[in-house]
Amino acid sequence: MTASPKPVILTGDRTTGPLHLGHYAGSLKSRVTLQDSHRQYLLLADTQALTDNAHDIGRIRRNVLEVATDYLAVGIDPARSTICLQSQLPALAELSMLYLNFVTVSRLERNPTIKDEIRARGFGRDIPAGFLCYPAAQAADITAFRATIVPVGADQAPLIEQTNEIVRRINTTAGRDVLPEATAVIPATGRLPGVDGKAKMSKSGGNAIPLSASPDEIHAAVNAMYTDPGHLRVEDPGRVEGNVVFTYLDAFDPDRNLVAEFKERYRFGGLGDAVLKRRLDDVLQALVAPIRKRRAELAKDPGYVLEAVRAGTDHARSVTQETKEEITSALGLFRLDPLALAEAGPALLTA
């Protein structure tokens, strides 16, 4: 009996800086687990990073290997997961251009994710065209790999919905199912807040704990974390909801029973913030130490990291090119290869 093909996952990260614990909780941990049961493609999204960083291309270029190194350091195996560089996959750009003919400007502007990001970045009407058209570009990324599973944050789900709208239009135009629709998989953890408790953890916000953080950096970040401003004394009842330390314990502490006990004691009164922070510090130190060690080893051999990206990109180029050619053929676009010309014969010019 022939085994069923593994489901295809597409995921990845913008190459704007090294990854942090928010990435680990949100996706990296699950990627390591899923690479045995799925065909997994990890996209180093340097082209997407240009949509709002075209003024600093050097930053994007420098961080390609930084992000790839983080992948390998957490346990991504290039023999089981394909790590590839977005800008070196020409089929993605070609499909992006094609898909823009199947979506309107007004639909792009109505996409909730794009609307929120435009507002957050203060673009006003000075929106980079690449940023506005990002949903079509992401549709190209997903469909080029024929991915049916796309792990995203809840705020990114509208992008998957728009991808499926484009897929349906392509399939309707072709008269058959050329492409599969994708399912957004939203992690249970959600997006981690920054250590300041004021926003999501982000590289640019200065409120993140990188995967390469030293013991002192982790300790300082935990000590600075927001808890409950009303919990002034140990005996005071405290709020668990919105307490950043508890949010991180929920995300990273393997002892669920201990976390539940801490929550009960904290709500009742009698558990100090110092005890919580000591526990979180221990948990994060144990989590980050092997990643940091592996990352330091990889940093000594950038050629190994580069080869993993090169090999993965070569494989991805073949996969995405094949998909692009099937889509254009199904849509009936003109073909110049000798076989197509021979088959068409005189009818080619009158079709």
Protein backbone atom coordinates (compact mmCIF):
# COMPACT_ATOMS: atom_id res chain seq x y z
CA MET A 1 0.00 0.00 0.00
CA THR A 2 1.32 3.44 -0.94
CA ALA A 3 1.65 5.74 2.03
CA SER A 4 -0.42 8.91 1.96
CA PRO A 5 1.66 12.00 1.19
CA LYS A 6 2.55 14.09 4.17
CA PRO A 7 0.60 17.35 4.63
CA VAL A 8 2.56 20.40 3.49
CA ILE A 9 3.29 23.25 5.90
CA LEU A 10 4.58 26.66 4.90
CA THR A 11 5.89 28.92 7.61
CA GLY A 12 8.77 31.34 8.03
CA ASP A 13 10.00 34.66 9.34
CA ARG A 14 10.99 38.08 8.07
CA THR A 15 14.75 38.53 8.11
CA THR A 16 14.79 41.76 10.08
CA GLY A 17 16.64 40.50 13.14
CA PRO A 18 17.47 37.44 15.25
CA LEU A 19 14.50 35.52 16.64
CA HIS A 20 13.29 35.66 20.24
CA LEU A 21 11.22 33.76 22.79
CA GLY A 22 8.01 35.05 21.25
CA HIS A 23 8.92 33.24 18.04
CA TYR A 24 9.83 30.13 20.00
CA ALA A 25 6.51 30.00 21.85
CA GLY A 26 4.47 30.94 18.82
CA SER A 27 5.97 28.67 16.19
CA LEU A 28 9.55 27.41 16.50
CA LYS A 29 8.76 24.78 19.11
CA SER A 30 5.93 23.32 17.04
CA ARG A 31 8.05 23.41 13.86
CA VAL A 32 10.58 21.09 15.48
CA THR A 33 7.78 18.68 16.41
CA LEU A 34 6.03 18.79 13.02
CA GLN A 35 9.06 18.24 10.80
CA ASP A 36 8.72 14.44 11.13
CA SER A 37 5.02 14.21 10.30
CA HIS A 38 4.80 16.95 7.64
CA ARG A 39 6.65 18.27 4.62
CA GLN A 40 7.74 21.57 6.06
CA TYR A 41 9.06 24.60 4.19
CA LEU A 42 10.58 27.46 6.18
CA LEU A 43 10.73 30.68 4.21
CA LEU A 44 13.39 33.26 5.02
CA ALA A 45 11.14 36.13 4.00
CA ASP A 46 13.66 38.73 2.87
CA THR A 47 11.44 40.03 0.06
CA GLN A 48 8.54 40.52 2.44
CA ALA A 49 10.87 42.35 4.82
CA LEU A 50 11.46 44.90 2.05
CA THR A 51 7.81 46.01 2.14
CA ASP A 52 8.62 48.31 5.06
CA ASN A 53 12.43 48.11 5.23
CA ALA A 54 13.53 49.02 1.70
CA HIS A 55 15.48 51.92 3.21
CA ASP A 56 17.74 49.45 5.08
CA ILE A 57 18.47 46.53 2.76
CA GLY A 58 21.72 45.82 4.59
CA ARG A 59 19.76 44.94 7.71
CA ILE A 60 17.70 42.41 5.79
CA ARG A 61 20.76 40.88 4.13
CA ARG A 62 22.67 40.58 7.41
CA ASN A 63 19.84 38.80 9.16
CA VAL A 64 19.28 36.05 6.60
CA LEU A 65 21.92 33.87 8.23
CA GLU A 66 20.95 35.09 11.71
CA VAL A 67 17.42 33.74 11.33
CA ALA A 68 18.66 30.56 9.64
CA THR A 69 21.07 30.04 12.53
CA ASP A 70 18.20 30.41 15.00
CA TYR A 71 16.26 27.75 13.08
CA LEU A 72 19.10 25.27 13.35
CA ALA A 73 19.83 26.17 16.96
CA VAL A 74 16.32 25.28 18.17
CA GLY A 75 16.38 21.91 16.42
CA ILE A 76 15.18 22.45 12.86
CA ASP A 77 16.89 19.74 10.81
CA PRO A 78 17.65 20.76 7.19
CA ALA A 79 17.38 17.08 6.24
CA ARG A 80 13.74 17.07 7.40
CA SER A 81 12.68 20.68 6.83
CA THR A 82 13.44 22.82 3.79
CA ILE A 83 14.92 26.21 4.67
CA CYS A 84 14.76 28.53 1.67
CA LEU A 85 15.38 32.16 0.74
CA GLN A 86 12.33 33.95 -0.63
CA SER A 87 14.11 36.35 -2.98
CA GLN A 88 15.87 33.46 -4.74
CA LEU A 89 12.61 31.78 -5.77
CA PRO A 90 11.55 33.59 -8.96
CA ALA A 91 8.27 31.66 -9.22
CA LEU A 92 7.05 33.48 -6.10
CA ALA A 93 7.47 36.89 -7.73
CA GLU A 94 5.88 35.66 -10.96
CA LEU A 95 2.87 34.24 -9.14
CA SER A 96 2.52 37.41 -7.08
CA MET A 97 2.23 39.42 -10.27
CA LEU A 98 -0.24 36.93 -11.72
CA TYR A 99 -2.43 36.92 -8.60
CA LEU A 100 -2.66 40.71 -8.53
CA ASN A 101 -4.90 40.36 -11.57
CA PHE A 102 -7.32 38.29 -9.49
CA VAL A 103 -7.77 40.74 -6.62
CA THR A 104 -8.86 44.39 -6.44
CA VAL A 105 -7.22 47.31 -4.66
CA SER A 106 -10.34 47.83 -2.57
CA ARG A 107 -10.20 44.20 -1.40
CA LEU A 108 -6.55 44.58 -0.43
CA GLU A 109 -7.36 47.73 1.51
CA ARG A 110 -10.23 46.02 3.33
CA ASN A 111 -8.03 43.21 4.60
CA PRO A 112 -8.13 43.67 8.42
CA THR A 113 -4.50 42.66 8.87
CA ILE A 114 -3.29 45.17 6.30
CA LYS A 115 -5.54 47.93 7.69
CA ASP A 116 -4.21 47.39 11.21
CA GLU A 117 -0.59 47.29 10.08
CA ILE A 118 -0.98 50.44 7.99
CA ARG A 119 -2.44 52.24 10.99
CA ALA A 120 0.24 50.91 13.35
CA ARG A 121 3.04 52.06 11.05
CA GLY A 122 1.48 55.48 10.45
CA PHE A 123 1.72 55.19 6.66
CA GLY A 124 -1.40 57.27 6.00
CA ARG A 125 -1.70 57.29 2.22
CA ASP A 126 2.05 56.85 1.75
CA ILE A 127 1.68 53.08 1.70
CA PRO A 128 4.47 51.18 -0.05
CA ALA A 129 2.83 49.33 -2.94
CA GLY A 130 4.59 46.14 -1.90
CA PHE A 131 3.06 46.41 1.56
CA LEU A 132 -0.46 46.91 0.23
CA CYS A 133 -0.04 43.98 -2.16
CA TYR A 134 1.40 41.69 0.49
CA PRO A 135 -1.73 39.45 0.67
CA ALA A 136 -1.23 38.52 -2.98
CA ALA A 137 2.45 37.86 -2.36
CA GLN A 138 1.66 35.66 0.61
CA ALA A 139 -0.88 33.79 -1.50
CA ALA A 140 1.94 33.15 -3.97
CA ASP A 141 4.19 31.85 -1.20
CA ILE A 142 1.55 29.47 0.14
CA THR A 143 0.26 28.15 -3.15
CA ALA A 144 3.67 27.76 -4.80
CA PHE A 145 4.45 25.08 -2.22
CA ARG A 146 0.89 23.72 -2.33
CA ALA A 147 0.74 24.22 1.42
CA THR A 148 -2.48 23.19 3.13
CA ILE A 149 -1.38 24.18 6.63
CA VAL A 150 -0.11 27.64 7.52
CA PRO A 151 0.67 28.41 11.19
CA VAL A 152 -0.13 32.07 11.87
CA GLY A 153 -1.12 34.37 14.68
CA ALA A 154 -4.81 35.18 15.04
CA ASP A 155 -4.21 38.63 13.55
CA GLN A 156 -2.85 37.01 10.37
CA ALA A 157 -5.85 34.75 9.72
CA PRO A 158 -7.47 37.25 7.27
CA LEU A 159 -4.43 36.80 5.01
CA ILE A 160 -5.11 33.07 4.74
CA GLU A 161 -8.75 33.83 3.99
CA GLN A 162 -7.67 36.10 1.14
CA THR A 163 -5.26 33.45 -0.13
CA ASN A 164 -8.17 31.03 -0.39
CA GLU A 165 -10.24 33.63 -2.24
CA ILE A 166 -7.48 33.87 -4.84
CA VAL A 167 -7.20 30.08 -5.00
CA ARG A 168 -10.92 29.80 -5.72
CA ARG A 169 -10.70 32.39 -8.48
CA ILE A 170 -7.75 30.59 -10.08
CA ASN A 171 -9.55 27.26 -9.90
CA THR A 172 -12.76 28.74 -11.32
CA THR A 173 -10.89 30.39 -14.18
CA ALA A 174 -8.99 27.18 -14.93
CA GLY A 175 -12.15 25.11 -14.78
CA ARG A 176 -10.61 22.61 -12.37
CA ASP A 177 -8.95 22.42 -8.97
CA VAL A 178 -5.40 23.43 -9.74
CA LEU A 179 -4.56 24.55 -6.20
CA PRO A 180 -5.63 23.41 -2.73
CA GLU A 181 -6.99 25.78 -0.13
CA ALA A 182 -5.01 26.34 3.05
CA THR A 183 -6.00 26.15 6.69
CA ALA A 184 -4.72 28.70 9.19
CA VAL A 185 -3.43 27.03 12.35
CA ILE A 186 -3.37 29.46 15.27
CA PRO A 187 -1.13 28.48 18.21
CA ALA A 188 -2.79 28.13 21.59
CA THR A 189 -0.15 30.29 23.26
CA GLY A 190 -0.88 33.34 21.12
CA ARG A 191 1.54 36.22 20.89
CA LEU A 192 3.68 36.83 23.93
CA PRO A 193 3.65 40.32 25.39
CA GLY A 194 6.95 42.12 25.70
CA VAL A 195 8.72 42.06 29.02
CA ASP A 196 7.35 45.58 29.60
CA GLY A 197 3.78 44.31 29.33
CA LYS A 198 2.85 47.15 26.99
CA ALA A 199 2.95 45.47 23.58
CA LYS A 200 3.72 42.21 21.86
CA MET A 201 7.29 41.01 22.10
CA SER A 202 9.14 42.35 19.09
CA LYS A 203 12.66 42.86 17.82
CA SER A 204 12.05 46.51 17.05
CA GLY A 205 10.24 47.26 20.31
CA GLY A 206 13.26 46.52 22.47
CA ASN A 207 11.11 44.37 24.76
CA ALA A 208 12.16 40.91 23.59
CA ILE A 209 14.37 38.16 24.97
CA PRO A 210 16.49 36.84 22.07
CA LEU A 211 17.27 33.15 21.76
CA SER A 212 20.93 34.02 22.25
CA ALA A 213 20.32 35.92 25.52
CA SER A 214 22.99 35.52 28.19
CA PRO A 215 22.08 34.37 31.72
CA ASP A 216 22.45 37.96 32.96
CA GLU A 217 20.21 39.29 30.17
CA ILE A 218 17.51 36.76 30.99
CA HIS A 219 17.74 37.54 34.69
CA ALA A 220 17.48 41.28 34.08
CA ALA A 221 14.52 40.85 31.73
CA VAL A 222 12.61 38.69 34.22
CA ASN A 223 13.29 41.10 37.08
CA ALA A 224 11.95 43.97 34.98
CA MET A 225 8.71 42.19 34.09
CA TYR A 226 5.36 43.76 34.81
CA THR A 227 3.24 41.85 37.35
CA ASP A 228 0.26 43.38 39.21
CA PRO A 229 0.67 46.98 40.41
CA GLY A 230 -1.93 46.31 43.13
CA HIS A 231 0.07 43.45 44.59
CA LEU A 232 2.21 45.55 46.90
CA ARG A 233 2.71 43.06 49.74
CA VAL A 234 3.08 39.30 49.78
CA GLU A 235 -0.22 38.88 51.64
CA ASP A 236 -2.18 40.99 49.13
CA PRO A 237 -4.41 39.13 46.64
CA GLY A 238 -3.01 39.50 43.14
CA ARG A 239 -4.30 39.39 39.58
CA VAL A 240 -3.14 36.60 37.34
CA GLU A 241 -4.80 37.93 34.19
CA GLY A 242 -2.54 40.43 32.43
CA ASN A 243 0.37 39.49 34.67
CA VAL A 244 3.32 39.07 32.31
CA VAL A 245 5.16 36.64 34.57
CA PHE A 246 2.20 34.26 34.60
CA THR A 247 1.83 34.64 30.85
CA TYR A 248 5.41 33.48 30.40
CA LEU A 249 5.01 30.66 32.92
CA ASP A 250 1.96 29.46 30.98
CA ALA A 251 4.02 29.51 27.78
CA PHE A 252 7.23 27.89 29.03
CA ASP A 253 6.93 26.13 32.39
CA PRO A 254 6.67 22.34 31.88
CA ASP A 255 5.24 21.86 35.40
CA ARG A 256 1.58 22.72 34.78
CA ASN A 257 0.54 21.65 38.28
CA LEU A 258 3.01 24.02 39.89
CA VAL A 259 1.81 26.92 37.73
CA ALA A 260 -1.81 26.17 38.70
CA GLU A 261 -0.80 26.11 42.37
CA PHE A 262 1.01 29.43 42.00
CA LYS A 263 -2.05 31.00 40.42
CA GLU A 264 -4.32 29.87 43.24
CA ARG A 265 -1.95 31.11 45.93
CA TYR A 266 -1.37 34.41 44.13
CA ARG A 267 -5.09 35.12 43.77
CA PHE A 268 -5.72 34.33 47.41
CA GLY A 269 -2.70 36.22 48.76
CA GLY A 270 0.48 34.88 50.27
CA LEU A 271 2.73 34.48 47.23
CA GLY A 272 5.27 37.16 46.41
CA ASP A 273 6.38 38.35 42.99
CA ALA A 274 9.96 37.41 43.84
CA VAL A 275 9.02 33.72 44.10
CA LEU A 276 7.29 33.85 40.71
CA LYS A 277 10.21 35.58 39.07
CA ARG A 278 12.73 33.13 40.51
CA ARG A 279 10.73 30.27 39.06
CA LEU A 280 10.44 31.94 35.66
CA ASP A 281 14.13 32.78 35.65
CA ASP A 282 14.98 29.11 36.30
CA VAL A 283 12.62 27.95 33.55
CA LEU A 284 13.95 30.39 30.94
CA GLN A 285 17.59 29.74 31.83
CA ALA A 286 17.04 26.00 31.32
CA LEU A 287 15.23 26.59 28.03
CA VAL A 288 17.65 29.06 26.47
CA ALA A 289 20.98 27.54 27.62
CA PRO A 290 21.13 24.66 25.07
CA ILE A 291 19.83 26.92 22.28
CA ARG A 292 22.46 29.54 23.08
CA LYS A 293 25.19 26.90 23.18
CA ARG A 294 24.16 25.39 19.85
CA ARG A 295 23.86 28.84 18.32
CA ALA A 296 27.39 29.74 19.40
CA GLU A 297 28.67 26.54 17.76
CA LEU A 298 26.85 27.31 14.52
CA ALA A 299 28.18 30.87 14.50
CA LYS A 300 31.68 29.39 14.22
CA ASP A 301 30.70 27.57 11.03
CA PRO A 302 28.62 29.97 8.90
CA GLY A 303 29.46 27.86 5.85
CA TYR A 304 27.32 25.04 7.24
CA VAL A 305 24.38 27.38 7.75
CA LEU A 306 24.82 28.88 4.28
CA GLU A 307 24.93 25.43 2.69
CA ALA A 308 21.70 24.44 4.46
CA VAL A 309 20.00 27.53 3.04
CA ARG A 310 21.50 27.03 -0.43
CA ALA A 311 20.46 23.38 -0.66
CA GLY A 312 16.99 24.13 0.66
CA THR A 313 16.57 27.01 -1.77
CA ASP A 314 17.61 24.85 -4.72
CA HIS A 315 14.98 22.27 -3.79
CA ALA A 316 12.33 24.93 -3.19
CA ARG A 317 13.10 26.56 -6.53
CA SER A 318 12.29 23.31 -8.32
CA VAL A 319 9.06 22.78 -6.36
CA THR A 320 7.76 26.32 -6.85
CA GLN A 321 8.72 26.47 -10.52
CA GLU A 322 6.78 23.28 -11.20
CA THR A 323 3.70 24.70 -9.48
CA LYS A 324 3.97 27.98 -11.39
CA GLU A 325 4.14 26.18 -14.70
CA GLU A 326 1.10 24.06 -13.86
CA ILE A 327 -0.91 27.16 -12.92
CA THR A 328 -0.02 29.09 -16.06
CA SER A 329 -0.74 26.04 -18.20
CA ALA A 330 -4.11 25.48 -16.52
CA LEU A 331 -5.04 29.12 -17.11
CA GLY A 332 -4.19 28.76 -20.79
CA LEU A 333 -1.34 31.24 -20.96
CA PHE A 334 0.81 31.15 -24.09
CA ARG A 335 3.70 28.66 -23.95
CA LEU A 336 6.91 28.90 -25.97
CA ASP A 337 8.45 25.50 -25.33
CA PRO A 338 8.99 23.39 -28.50
CA LEU A 339 6.56 20.66 -27.47
CA ALA A 340 3.72 23.13 -26.96
CA LEU A 341 4.43 24.78 -30.31
CA ALA A 342 4.54 21.43 -32.10
CA GLU A 343 1.26 20.33 -30.52
CA ALA A 344 -0.50 23.58 -31.36
CA GLY A 345 0.66 23.77 -34.98
CA PRO A 346 -1.21 26.22 -37.24
CA ALA A 347 -4.07 26.48 -34.75
CA LEU A 348 -1.74 28.35 -32.36
CA LEU A 349 -2.20 31.65 -34.15
CA THR A 350 -5.99 31.41 -34.40
CA ALA A 351 -6.82 30.01 -30.95
